[in-house]
């Protein structure tokens, strides 16, 4: 399949990751899949996530991926992937507002990250990453963008080889991998998000320092 975008380090495909299988040739998975929570943005522009009605898409992609190492974002509201070996937490404090049930006196300030497989490297560190979200004015036009610095911290612990992100979204994994000199293959279902990713990559400015 012809890539939607390609440079020396990044290859991006537009399509369904269950049909576009080039990403399966990679060595380690770093992705933010649909959580199965039917997410709908509360912002003026109602941005949604394809395949988010249940966990079928996530689980189908992980089944294709097999036993290779993977970093997968998720939520406590839904079952974790069966092969989860370690739970890492993203602490969002310091960002612009929090999510969760507005009728509750407590706000959601964390997000779960599941570690699957073997081969992880680097010194032993606490499994909590305190990386704030950014104000809406500085966010990419995507409902659930992840901070590039957060993705970079995760990728630093990845085994060597090519990184895959079959749910590329706002492109944070692709940008972080590129900034660290890692080859990465991404797949994104929505063309508007493919355009967003290309725009970010084409800036030729490493935005590892804060752009979310």
N, C-alpha and C. Protein backbone atom coordinates (compact mmCIF):
# COMPACT_ATOMS: atom_id res chain seq x y z
N UNK A 1 0.84 -1.19 0.00
CA UNK A 1 0.00 0.00 0.00
C UNK A 1 0.88 1.25 0.00
N UNK A 2 0.50 2.24 -0.79
CA UNK A 2 1.27 3.47 -0.86
C UNK A 2 1.08 4.29 0.42
N UNK A 3 2.19 4.75 1.03
CA UNK A 3 2.07 5.55 2.25
C UNK A 3 1.37 6.89 1.98
N UNK A 4 0.69 7.37 3.00
CA UNK A 4 0.09 8.71 2.95
C UNK A 4 1.18 9.76 3.10
N UNK A 5 2.21 9.39 3.88
CA UNK A 5 3.37 10.27 4.11
C UNK A 5 4.56 9.39 4.41
N UNK A 6 5.75 9.82 3.96
CA UNK A 6 6.96 9.06 4.26
C UNK A 6 8.18 9.95 4.20
N UNK A 7 9.06 9.80 5.19
CA UNK A 7 10.37 10.44 5.16
C UNK A 7 11.39 9.42 5.65
N UNK A 8 12.57 9.86 6.02
CA UNK A 8 13.63 8.92 6.39
C UNK A 8 13.28 8.07 7.61
N UNK A 9 12.46 8.61 8.51
CA UNK A 9 12.15 7.90 9.76
C UNK A 9 10.68 7.51 9.90
N UNK A 10 9.79 8.28 9.31
CA UNK A 10 8.35 8.09 9.53
C UNK A 10 7.65 7.60 8.28
N UNK A 11 6.82 6.59 8.46
CA UNK A 11 5.92 6.13 7.40
C UNK A 11 4.50 6.13 7.96
N UNK A 12 3.60 6.81 7.29
CA UNK A 12 2.21 6.92 7.74
C UNK A 12 1.28 6.39 6.67
N UNK A 13 0.35 5.51 7.08
CA UNK A 13 -0.66 4.98 6.18
C UNK A 13 -2.04 5.48 6.61
N UNK A 14 -2.89 5.75 5.63
CA UNK A 14 -4.28 6.12 5.90
C UNK A 14 -5.15 4.89 5.67
N UNK A 15 -5.87 4.47 6.71
CA UNK A 15 -6.73 3.32 6.55
C UNK A 15 -7.01 2.64 7.87
N UNK A 16 -7.64 1.48 7.79
CA UNK A 16 -8.00 0.66 8.94
C UNK A 16 -6.81 -0.24 9.27
N UNK A 17 -6.32 -0.17 10.52
CA UNK A 17 -5.13 -0.94 10.88
C UNK A 17 -5.38 -2.44 10.85
N UNK A 18 -6.64 -2.87 10.82
CA UNK A 18 -6.94 -4.28 10.70
C UNK A 18 -6.83 -4.76 9.26
N UNK A 19 -6.74 -3.79 8.34
CA UNK A 19 -6.61 -4.10 6.91
C UNK A 19 -5.25 -3.67 6.36
N UNK A 20 -4.73 -2.55 6.86
CA UNK A 20 -3.38 -2.08 6.49
C UNK A 20 -2.40 -2.74 7.45
N UNK A 21 -1.67 -3.72 6.99
CA UNK A 21 -0.90 -4.57 7.91
C UNK A 21 0.60 -4.27 7.94
N UNK A 22 1.05 -3.24 7.25
CA UNK A 22 2.49 -2.94 7.23
C UNK A 22 3.05 -2.69 8.63
N UNK A 23 2.23 -2.18 9.53
CA UNK A 23 2.69 -1.87 10.89
C UNK A 23 3.09 -3.12 11.66
N UNK A 24 2.58 -4.27 11.24
CA UNK A 24 2.90 -5.52 11.93
C UNK A 24 4.34 -5.95 11.72
N UNK A 25 5.04 -5.32 10.79
CA UNK A 25 6.44 -5.64 10.54
C UNK A 25 7.36 -4.95 11.56
N UNK A 26 6.82 -4.05 12.37
CA UNK A 26 7.63 -3.32 13.35
C UNK A 26 8.00 -4.22 14.52
N UNK A 27 8.80 -3.67 15.45
CA UNK A 27 9.34 -4.45 16.56
C UNK A 27 8.69 -4.16 17.90
N UNK A 28 8.16 -2.96 18.08
CA UNK A 28 7.55 -2.59 19.35
C UNK A 28 6.36 -1.67 19.09
N UNK A 29 5.28 -1.89 19.85
CA UNK A 29 4.04 -1.15 19.67
C UNK A 29 3.93 -0.06 20.73
N UNK A 30 3.63 1.16 20.30
CA UNK A 30 3.38 2.27 21.23
C UNK A 30 2.13 2.98 20.71
N UNK A 31 1.00 2.81 21.40
CA UNK A 31 -0.24 3.28 20.80
C UNK A 31 -1.29 3.68 21.82
N UNK A 32 -2.20 4.53 21.38
CA UNK A 32 -3.33 5.01 22.17
C UNK A 32 -4.60 4.60 21.43
N UNK A 33 -5.08 3.37 21.66
CA UNK A 33 -6.20 2.85 20.87
C UNK A 33 -7.55 3.36 21.39
N UNK A 34 -8.62 3.05 20.66
CA UNK A 34 -9.97 3.34 21.19
C UNK A 34 -10.16 2.62 22.52
N UNK A 35 -10.73 3.33 23.51
CA UNK A 35 -10.85 2.78 24.86
C UNK A 35 -12.15 2.02 25.09
N UNK A 36 -13.11 2.15 24.15
CA UNK A 36 -14.41 1.53 24.36
C UNK A 36 -15.32 2.32 25.27
N UNK A 37 -15.12 3.64 25.32
CA UNK A 37 -15.93 4.48 26.21
C UNK A 37 -16.84 5.43 25.43
N UNK A 38 -16.90 5.26 24.10
CA UNK A 38 -17.73 6.14 23.26
C UNK A 38 -17.43 7.61 23.53
N UNK A 39 -16.15 7.94 23.49
CA UNK A 39 -15.72 9.30 23.83
C UNK A 39 -16.29 10.33 22.85
N UNK A 40 -16.72 11.45 23.42
CA UNK A 40 -17.16 12.59 22.61
C UNK A 40 -16.63 13.85 23.26
N UNK A 41 -15.92 14.65 22.50
CA UNK A 41 -15.30 15.85 23.04
C UNK A 41 -16.35 16.84 23.50
N UNK A 42 -16.08 17.49 24.64
CA UNK A 42 -16.98 18.52 25.14
C UNK A 42 -16.68 19.88 24.55
N UNK A 43 -15.66 19.95 23.69
CA UNK A 43 -15.32 21.22 23.06
C UNK A 43 -16.36 21.56 22.02
N UNK A 44 -16.35 22.81 21.58
CA UNK A 44 -17.33 23.29 20.61
C UNK A 44 -17.36 22.40 19.37
N UNK A 45 -16.20 21.98 18.92
CA UNK A 45 -16.12 21.10 17.77
C UNK A 45 -16.17 19.66 18.27
N UNK A 46 -17.25 18.96 17.99
CA UNK A 46 -17.46 17.62 18.51
C UNK A 46 -16.58 16.61 17.77
N UNK A 47 -15.40 16.36 18.31
CA UNK A 47 -14.48 15.40 17.72
C UNK A 47 -14.70 14.04 18.36
N UNK A 48 -14.74 13.00 17.54
CA UNK A 48 -14.96 11.66 18.05
C UNK A 48 -13.85 10.73 17.60
N UNK A 49 -13.87 9.52 18.14
CA UNK A 49 -12.85 8.53 17.84
C UNK A 49 -13.52 7.31 17.21
N UNK A 50 -13.09 6.92 16.02
CA UNK A 50 -13.67 5.78 15.33
C UNK A 50 -13.40 4.49 16.10
N UNK A 51 -14.40 3.62 16.17
CA UNK A 51 -14.23 2.32 16.81
C UNK A 51 -14.24 2.35 18.32
N UNK A 52 -14.74 3.46 18.92
CA UNK A 52 -14.66 3.62 20.37
C UNK A 52 -15.92 3.15 21.09
N UNK A 53 -16.80 2.43 20.43
CA UNK A 53 -18.00 1.95 21.10
C UNK A 53 -17.73 0.76 22.01
N UNK A 54 -16.65 0.05 21.75
CA UNK A 54 -16.27 -1.11 22.56
C UNK A 54 -14.77 -1.35 22.39
N UNK A 55 -14.29 -2.46 22.94
CA UNK A 55 -12.85 -2.77 22.89
C UNK A 55 -12.50 -3.71 21.74
N UNK A 56 -13.44 -3.96 20.85
CA UNK A 56 -13.20 -4.94 19.78
C UNK A 56 -12.02 -4.56 18.89
N UNK A 57 -11.93 -3.27 18.51
CA UNK A 57 -10.85 -2.84 17.62
C UNK A 57 -9.50 -2.96 18.32
N UNK A 58 -9.44 -2.49 19.57
CA UNK A 58 -8.19 -2.60 20.33
C UNK A 58 -7.74 -4.05 20.44
N UNK A 59 -8.65 -4.91 20.85
CA UNK A 59 -8.29 -6.30 21.09
C UNK A 59 -7.94 -7.04 19.80
N UNK A 60 -8.60 -6.67 18.70
CA UNK A 60 -8.28 -7.28 17.41
C UNK A 60 -6.87 -6.90 16.97
N UNK A 61 -6.50 -5.62 17.17
CA UNK A 61 -5.16 -5.17 16.80
C UNK A 61 -4.10 -5.85 17.67
N UNK A 62 -4.37 -5.98 18.97
CA UNK A 62 -3.41 -6.63 19.86
C UNK A 62 -3.28 -8.12 19.53
N UNK A 63 -4.37 -8.73 19.09
CA UNK A 63 -4.30 -10.13 18.69
C UNK A 63 -3.40 -10.30 17.47
N UNK A 64 -3.50 -9.37 16.52
CA UNK A 64 -2.62 -9.41 15.35
C UNK A 64 -1.17 -9.19 15.76
N UNK A 65 -0.95 -8.33 16.73
CA UNK A 65 0.40 -7.99 17.17
C UNK A 65 1.08 -9.17 17.85
N UNK A 66 0.32 -9.99 18.55
CA UNK A 66 0.88 -11.17 19.18
C UNK A 66 1.62 -10.89 20.47
N UNK A 67 2.77 -11.55 20.65
CA UNK A 67 3.51 -11.50 21.92
C UNK A 67 4.62 -10.45 21.94
N UNK A 68 4.74 -9.68 20.89
CA UNK A 68 5.82 -8.68 20.84
C UNK A 68 5.57 -7.57 21.85
N UNK A 69 6.60 -6.83 22.26
CA UNK A 69 6.45 -5.79 23.28
C UNK A 69 5.51 -4.68 22.83
N UNK A 70 4.73 -4.19 23.80
CA UNK A 70 3.73 -3.17 23.48
C UNK A 70 3.49 -2.24 24.66
N UNK A 71 3.25 -0.97 24.34
CA UNK A 71 2.81 0.04 25.30
C UNK A 71 1.44 0.51 24.81
N UNK A 72 0.41 0.35 25.66
CA UNK A 72 -0.96 0.59 25.24
C UNK A 72 -1.68 1.45 26.27
N UNK A 73 -2.23 2.58 25.85
CA UNK A 73 -3.00 3.43 26.74
C UNK A 73 -4.39 2.86 26.97
N UNK A 74 -4.99 3.19 28.13
CA UNK A 74 -6.32 2.69 28.43
C UNK A 74 -6.97 3.44 29.57
N UNK A 75 -8.02 2.87 30.11
CA UNK A 75 -8.77 3.50 31.19
C UNK A 75 -9.19 2.45 32.21
N UNK A 76 -9.27 2.85 33.47
CA UNK A 76 -9.70 1.96 34.54
C UNK A 76 -11.16 1.52 34.37
N UNK A 77 -11.89 2.22 33.51
CA UNK A 77 -13.31 1.91 33.32
C UNK A 77 -13.53 0.66 32.48
N UNK A 78 -12.48 0.17 31.81
CA UNK A 78 -12.59 -0.98 30.94
C UNK A 78 -11.50 -2.01 31.27
N UNK A 79 -11.70 -3.28 30.91
CA UNK A 79 -10.70 -4.31 31.20
C UNK A 79 -9.36 -4.02 30.53
N UNK A 80 -8.30 -4.33 31.24
CA UNK A 80 -6.96 -4.19 30.68
C UNK A 80 -6.69 -5.31 29.68
N UNK A 81 -5.75 -5.11 28.77
CA UNK A 81 -5.36 -6.20 27.87
C UNK A 81 -4.93 -7.43 28.68
N UNK A 82 -5.25 -8.61 28.21
CA UNK A 82 -5.00 -9.84 28.96
C UNK A 82 -3.52 -10.04 29.28
N UNK A 83 -2.63 -9.59 28.40
CA UNK A 83 -1.21 -9.88 28.57
C UNK A 83 -0.46 -8.77 29.32
N UNK A 84 -1.20 -7.88 29.98
CA UNK A 84 -0.56 -6.78 30.70
C UNK A 84 0.39 -7.30 31.78
N UNK A 85 1.64 -6.81 31.76
CA UNK A 85 2.64 -7.21 32.75
C UNK A 85 2.92 -6.12 33.77
N UNK A 86 2.66 -4.88 33.40
CA UNK A 86 2.97 -3.76 34.27
C UNK A 86 2.01 -2.62 34.00
N UNK A 87 1.61 -1.94 35.06
CA UNK A 87 0.77 -0.75 34.93
C UNK A 87 1.62 0.48 35.18
N UNK A 88 1.58 1.42 34.23
CA UNK A 88 2.23 2.71 34.37
C UNK A 88 1.13 3.76 34.36
N UNK A 89 1.34 4.85 35.07
CA UNK A 89 0.30 5.88 35.21
C UNK A 89 0.79 7.21 34.67
N UNK A 90 -0.06 7.86 33.91
CA UNK A 90 0.20 9.23 33.45
C UNK A 90 -0.53 10.18 34.39
N UNK A 91 0.22 11.00 35.09
CA UNK A 91 -0.31 12.01 36.01
C UNK A 91 -0.42 13.32 35.24
N UNK A 92 -1.65 13.80 35.04
CA UNK A 92 -1.90 14.97 34.21
C UNK A 92 -1.90 16.29 34.98
N UNK A 93 -1.65 16.25 36.27
CA UNK A 93 -1.74 17.48 37.06
C UNK A 93 -0.86 18.59 36.50
N UNK A 94 -1.41 19.81 36.57
CA UNK A 94 -0.70 20.96 36.00
C UNK A 94 -1.22 21.32 34.64
N UNK A 95 -2.12 20.50 34.10
CA UNK A 95 -2.69 20.79 32.79
C UNK A 95 -3.91 21.68 32.88
N UNK A 96 -4.62 21.77 31.76
CA UNK A 96 -5.77 22.67 31.66
C UNK A 96 -7.06 21.92 31.90
N UNK A 97 -7.42 21.72 33.18
CA UNK A 97 -8.68 21.07 33.50
C UNK A 97 -8.56 19.55 33.52
N UNK A 98 -9.54 18.91 34.14
CA UNK A 98 -9.51 17.47 34.30
C UNK A 98 -10.81 16.86 33.79
N UNK A 99 -10.78 15.56 33.59
CA UNK A 99 -11.94 14.87 33.03
C UNK A 99 -12.66 14.08 34.12
N UNK A 100 -13.68 13.35 33.70
CA UNK A 100 -14.40 12.51 34.65
C UNK A 100 -15.83 12.97 34.86
N UNK A 101 -16.50 12.30 35.77
CA UNK A 101 -17.90 12.58 36.10
C UNK A 101 -18.00 13.92 36.82
N UNK A 102 -18.63 14.89 36.19
CA UNK A 102 -18.72 16.23 36.76
C UNK A 102 -19.61 16.28 38.00
N UNK A 103 -20.37 15.22 38.26
CA UNK A 103 -21.21 15.17 39.45
C UNK A 103 -20.44 14.70 40.67
N UNK A 104 -19.23 14.22 40.46
CA UNK A 104 -18.39 13.74 41.55
C UNK A 104 -17.47 14.86 42.04
N UNK A 105 -17.14 14.87 43.34
CA UNK A 105 -16.24 15.92 43.85
C UNK A 105 -14.78 15.68 43.51
N UNK A 106 -14.47 14.52 42.92
CA UNK A 106 -13.10 14.21 42.53
C UNK A 106 -12.99 14.19 41.01
N UNK A 107 -11.91 14.74 40.51
CA UNK A 107 -11.67 14.75 39.07
C UNK A 107 -10.67 13.66 38.69
N UNK A 108 -10.79 13.15 37.47
CA UNK A 108 -9.80 12.20 36.95
C UNK A 108 -8.54 12.97 36.55
N UNK A 109 -7.42 12.63 37.16
CA UNK A 109 -6.17 13.30 36.83
C UNK A 109 -5.11 12.32 36.34
N UNK A 110 -5.51 11.07 36.15
CA UNK A 110 -4.55 10.07 35.70
C UNK A 110 -5.10 9.27 34.53
N UNK A 111 -4.21 8.60 33.86
CA UNK A 111 -4.58 7.70 32.77
C UNK A 111 -3.68 6.47 32.84
N UNK A 112 -4.24 5.32 32.56
CA UNK A 112 -3.48 4.08 32.66
C UNK A 112 -2.71 3.79 31.36
N UNK A 113 -1.54 3.21 31.54
CA UNK A 113 -0.71 2.78 30.42
C UNK A 113 -0.27 1.35 30.71
N UNK A 114 -0.54 0.45 29.79
CA UNK A 114 -0.26 -0.97 30.00
C UNK A 114 1.01 -1.39 29.25
N UNK A 115 1.85 -2.15 29.94
CA UNK A 115 3.10 -2.63 29.37
C UNK A 115 2.97 -4.13 29.15
N UNK A 116 3.18 -4.55 27.90
CA UNK A 116 3.07 -5.95 27.52
C UNK A 116 4.39 -6.42 26.92
N UNK A 117 4.70 -7.68 27.08
CA UNK A 117 5.87 -8.25 26.44
C UNK A 117 7.18 -8.00 27.18
N UNK A 118 8.27 -8.33 26.51
CA UNK A 118 9.60 -8.28 27.11
C UNK A 118 10.53 -7.35 26.32
N UNK A 119 11.75 -7.20 26.87
CA UNK A 119 12.80 -6.48 26.16
C UNK A 119 12.95 -5.03 26.54
N UNK A 120 12.23 -4.55 27.54
CA UNK A 120 12.28 -3.15 27.93
C UNK A 120 13.65 -2.82 28.52
N UNK A 121 14.11 -1.61 28.31
CA UNK A 121 15.47 -1.25 28.71
C UNK A 121 15.48 0.04 29.52
N UNK A 122 16.65 0.37 30.04
CA UNK A 122 16.82 1.60 30.80
C UNK A 122 16.80 1.35 32.29
N UNK A 123 17.18 2.36 33.09
CA UNK A 123 17.20 2.21 34.55
C UNK A 123 15.80 2.04 35.12
N UNK A 124 15.71 1.41 36.26
CA UNK A 124 14.44 1.20 36.93
C UNK A 124 13.94 2.53 37.50
N UNK A 125 12.72 2.91 37.15
CA UNK A 125 12.15 4.19 37.58
C UNK A 125 10.74 3.96 38.09
N UNK A 126 10.21 4.95 38.81
CA UNK A 126 8.83 4.87 39.27
C UNK A 126 7.90 4.90 38.06
N UNK A 127 6.83 4.11 38.13
CA UNK A 127 5.91 4.00 37.02
C UNK A 127 4.85 5.08 36.98
N UNK A 128 5.23 6.30 37.30
CA UNK A 128 4.32 7.44 37.23
C UNK A 128 5.02 8.56 36.48
N UNK A 129 4.39 9.02 35.41
CA UNK A 129 4.95 10.12 34.62
C UNK A 129 4.09 11.36 34.80
N UNK A 130 4.66 12.38 35.43
CA UNK A 130 3.95 13.64 35.65
C UNK A 130 4.23 14.57 34.49
N UNK A 131 3.35 14.56 33.52
CA UNK A 131 3.47 15.39 32.32
C UNK A 131 2.14 16.09 32.11
N UNK A 132 2.06 17.40 32.32
CA UNK A 132 0.78 18.10 32.21
C UNK A 132 0.25 18.17 30.78
N UNK A 133 -1.05 18.23 30.68
CA UNK A 133 -1.67 18.53 29.41
C UNK A 133 -1.52 20.03 29.15
N UNK A 134 -1.86 20.46 27.95
CA UNK A 134 -1.71 21.86 27.59
C UNK A 134 -3.07 22.53 27.41
N UNK A 135 -3.12 23.85 27.48
CA UNK A 135 -4.38 24.56 27.27
C UNK A 135 -4.98 24.23 25.90
N UNK A 136 -6.31 24.24 25.78
CA UNK A 136 -6.96 23.92 24.51
C UNK A 136 -6.42 24.70 23.33
N UNK A 137 -6.00 25.94 23.55
CA UNK A 137 -5.51 26.77 22.45
C UNK A 137 -4.23 26.20 21.83
N UNK A 138 -3.49 25.40 22.59
CA UNK A 138 -2.23 24.84 22.10
C UNK A 138 -2.33 23.37 21.73
N UNK A 139 -3.55 22.83 21.77
CA UNK A 139 -3.73 21.40 21.49
C UNK A 139 -3.96 21.16 20.00
N UNK A 140 -3.44 20.05 19.48
CA UNK A 140 -3.78 19.67 18.10
C UNK A 140 -5.28 19.43 18.01
N UNK A 141 -5.83 19.51 16.81
CA UNK A 141 -7.27 19.37 16.60
C UNK A 141 -7.66 17.89 16.62
N UNK A 142 -7.54 17.30 17.81
CA UNK A 142 -7.84 15.89 18.01
C UNK A 142 -8.43 15.74 19.40
N UNK A 143 -9.39 14.83 19.61
CA UNK A 143 -10.08 14.76 20.91
C UNK A 143 -9.21 14.30 22.08
N UNK A 144 -8.24 13.42 21.84
CA UNK A 144 -7.44 12.89 22.95
C UNK A 144 -5.95 12.88 22.62
N UNK A 145 -5.36 14.03 22.34
CA UNK A 145 -3.92 14.05 22.00
C UNK A 145 -3.06 13.75 23.22
N UNK A 146 -1.98 13.05 23.00
CA UNK A 146 -1.04 12.76 24.08
C UNK A 146 0.16 13.68 23.95
N UNK A 147 0.75 14.09 25.09
CA UNK A 147 1.92 14.98 25.03
C UNK A 147 3.12 14.29 24.39
N UNK A 148 3.79 14.96 23.50
CA UNK A 148 4.99 14.41 22.89
C UNK A 148 6.05 14.07 23.94
N UNK A 149 6.28 14.92 24.96
CA UNK A 149 7.28 14.55 25.98
C UNK A 149 6.94 13.24 26.68
N UNK A 150 5.66 12.99 26.94
CA UNK A 150 5.26 11.74 27.57
C UNK A 150 5.59 10.56 26.67
N UNK A 151 5.26 10.67 25.40
CA UNK A 151 5.54 9.57 24.47
C UNK A 151 7.05 9.34 24.35
N UNK A 152 7.81 10.42 24.41
CA UNK A 152 9.26 10.29 24.35
C UNK A 152 9.81 9.53 25.54
N UNK A 153 9.29 9.82 26.74
CA UNK A 153 9.75 9.12 27.94
C UNK A 153 9.46 7.62 27.85
N UNK A 154 8.32 7.28 27.27
CA UNK A 154 7.97 5.87 27.12
C UNK A 154 8.85 5.19 26.08
N UNK A 155 9.07 5.87 24.97
CA UNK A 155 9.87 5.30 23.89
C UNK A 155 11.31 5.07 24.32
N UNK A 156 11.81 5.89 25.23
CA UNK A 156 13.18 5.72 25.71
C UNK A 156 13.40 4.35 26.36
N UNK A 157 12.33 3.72 26.83
CA UNK A 157 12.44 2.40 27.47
C UNK A 157 12.14 1.27 26.49
N UNK A 158 11.84 1.60 25.25
CA UNK A 158 11.47 0.58 24.27
C UNK A 158 12.68 -0.21 23.78
N UNK A 159 12.46 -1.48 23.46
CA UNK A 159 13.53 -2.26 22.81
C UNK A 159 13.92 -1.62 21.48
N UNK A 160 15.08 -1.98 20.99
CA UNK A 160 15.55 -1.45 19.71
C UNK A 160 14.63 -1.93 18.57
N UNK A 161 14.68 -1.19 17.48
CA UNK A 161 13.91 -1.57 16.31
C UNK A 161 12.87 -0.54 15.93
N UNK A 162 12.01 -0.92 15.00
CA UNK A 162 10.99 -0.02 14.46
C UNK A 162 9.78 0.02 15.39
N UNK A 163 9.24 1.21 15.59
CA UNK A 163 8.07 1.41 16.42
C UNK A 163 6.82 1.43 15.54
N UNK A 164 5.72 0.91 16.06
CA UNK A 164 4.45 0.92 15.35
C UNK A 164 3.40 1.64 16.18
N UNK A 165 2.56 2.42 15.50
CA UNK A 165 1.38 3.00 16.13
C UNK A 165 0.21 2.87 15.16
N UNK A 166 -0.61 1.83 15.32
CA UNK A 166 -1.72 1.61 14.40
C UNK A 166 -2.92 2.51 14.64
N UNK A 167 -2.89 3.30 15.70
CA UNK A 167 -3.93 4.28 16.00
C UNK A 167 -3.24 5.63 16.17
N UNK A 168 -2.72 6.17 15.10
CA UNK A 168 -1.77 7.28 15.18
C UNK A 168 -2.37 8.57 15.73
N UNK A 169 -3.68 8.78 15.55
CA UNK A 169 -4.34 9.93 16.17
C UNK A 169 -3.74 11.27 15.80
N UNK A 170 -3.28 12.00 16.81
CA UNK A 170 -2.68 13.32 16.57
C UNK A 170 -1.22 13.24 16.17
N UNK A 171 -0.65 12.03 16.19
CA UNK A 171 0.73 11.85 15.73
C UNK A 171 1.80 11.98 16.79
N UNK A 172 1.42 12.00 18.08
CA UNK A 172 2.42 12.21 19.13
C UNK A 172 3.48 11.12 19.15
N UNK A 173 3.07 9.87 18.95
CA UNK A 173 4.05 8.78 18.93
C UNK A 173 5.01 8.95 17.77
N UNK A 174 4.49 9.32 16.60
CA UNK A 174 5.32 9.47 15.42
C UNK A 174 6.32 10.61 15.60
N UNK A 175 5.85 11.73 16.15
CA UNK A 175 6.73 12.88 16.35
C UNK A 175 7.80 12.56 17.38
N UNK A 176 7.41 11.93 18.49
CA UNK A 176 8.37 11.60 19.54
C UNK A 176 9.41 10.61 19.05
N UNK A 177 8.97 9.60 18.30
CA UNK A 177 9.92 8.62 17.76
C UNK A 177 10.90 9.29 16.82
N UNK A 178 10.39 10.14 15.94
CA UNK A 178 11.27 10.86 15.01
C UNK A 178 12.28 11.70 15.77
N UNK A 179 11.83 12.39 16.80
CA UNK A 179 12.71 13.27 17.55
C UNK A 179 13.81 12.50 18.27
N UNK A 180 13.55 11.23 18.54
CA UNK A 180 14.55 10.38 19.18
C UNK A 180 15.35 9.56 18.18
N UNK A 181 15.13 9.83 16.88
CA UNK A 181 15.88 9.13 15.85
C UNK A 181 15.44 7.70 15.61
N UNK A 182 14.19 7.39 15.99
CA UNK A 182 13.67 6.04 15.81
C UNK A 182 12.78 5.96 14.58
N UNK A 183 12.87 4.87 13.84
CA UNK A 183 11.95 4.64 12.73
C UNK A 183 10.60 4.25 13.29
N UNK A 184 9.53 4.71 12.63
CA UNK A 184 8.19 4.47 13.14
C UNK A 184 7.20 4.32 11.98
N UNK A 185 6.26 3.40 12.14
CA UNK A 185 5.20 3.18 11.16
C UNK A 185 3.87 3.48 11.83
N UNK A 186 3.08 4.38 11.25
CA UNK A 186 1.79 4.72 11.81
C UNK A 186 0.66 4.42 10.85
N UNK A 187 -0.52 4.16 11.40
CA UNK A 187 -1.74 3.99 10.62
C UNK A 187 -2.82 4.82 11.29
N UNK A 188 -3.56 5.58 10.49
CA UNK A 188 -4.65 6.39 11.03
C UNK A 188 -5.88 6.26 10.15
N UNK A 189 -7.03 5.98 10.77
CA UNK A 189 -8.28 5.73 10.05
C UNK A 189 -8.88 7.00 9.47
N UNK A 190 -8.82 8.11 10.24
CA UNK A 190 -9.45 9.36 9.83
C UNK A 190 -8.47 10.20 9.01
N UNK A 191 -8.87 10.59 7.81
CA UNK A 191 -7.97 11.37 6.95
C UNK A 191 -7.66 12.74 7.55
N UNK A 192 -8.63 13.33 8.27
CA UNK A 192 -8.37 14.65 8.86
C UNK A 192 -7.22 14.57 9.87
N UNK A 193 -7.07 13.45 10.54
CA UNK A 193 -5.98 13.29 11.49
C UNK A 193 -4.68 12.97 10.77
N UNK A 194 -4.78 12.29 9.63
CA UNK A 194 -3.58 12.09 8.80
C UNK A 194 -3.02 13.44 8.37
N UNK A 195 -3.91 14.32 7.96
CA UNK A 195 -3.49 15.67 7.56
C UNK A 195 -2.83 16.41 8.72
N UNK A 196 -3.39 16.25 9.91
CA UNK A 196 -2.82 16.88 11.10
C UNK A 196 -1.41 16.35 11.36
N UNK A 197 -1.25 15.04 11.27
CA UNK A 197 0.06 14.44 11.51
C UNK A 197 1.09 14.94 10.51
N UNK A 198 0.71 14.98 9.24
CA UNK A 198 1.62 15.45 8.20
C UNK A 198 2.02 16.89 8.46
N UNK A 199 1.06 17.70 8.88
CA UNK A 199 1.35 19.10 9.18
C UNK A 199 2.38 19.21 10.29
N UNK A 200 2.23 18.40 11.33
CA UNK A 200 3.17 18.44 12.45
C UNK A 200 4.55 17.96 12.02
N UNK A 201 4.59 16.88 11.27
CA UNK A 201 5.88 16.34 10.83
C UNK A 201 6.57 17.25 9.83
N UNK A 202 5.79 17.94 9.02
CA UNK A 202 6.35 18.79 7.98
C UNK A 202 6.88 20.11 8.51
N UNK A 203 6.61 20.39 9.76
CA UNK A 203 7.13 21.63 10.35
C UNK A 203 8.64 21.61 10.44
N UNK A 204 9.22 20.39 10.42
CA UNK A 204 10.68 20.22 10.49
C UNK A 204 11.27 20.85 11.74
N UNK A 205 10.43 21.00 12.76
CA UNK A 205 10.89 21.51 14.04
C UNK A 205 10.58 20.45 15.08
N UNK A 206 11.57 20.00 15.79
CA UNK A 206 11.32 18.97 16.79
C UNK A 206 10.55 19.59 17.93
N UNK A 207 9.28 19.15 18.11
CA UNK A 207 8.44 19.77 19.14
C UNK A 207 8.41 18.92 20.41
N UNK A 208 9.50 18.19 20.68
CA UNK A 208 9.59 17.34 21.84
C UNK A 208 9.50 18.14 23.14
N UNK A 209 9.73 19.43 23.06
CA UNK A 209 9.78 20.23 24.29
C UNK A 209 8.43 20.63 24.83
N UNK A 210 7.31 20.32 24.18
CA UNK A 210 6.08 20.69 24.84
C UNK A 210 4.82 20.64 24.00
N UNK A 211 4.90 20.64 22.70
CA UNK A 211 3.68 20.62 21.91
C UNK A 211 2.97 19.31 22.09
N UNK A 212 1.68 19.37 22.41
CA UNK A 212 0.92 18.16 22.68
C UNK A 212 0.13 17.77 21.44
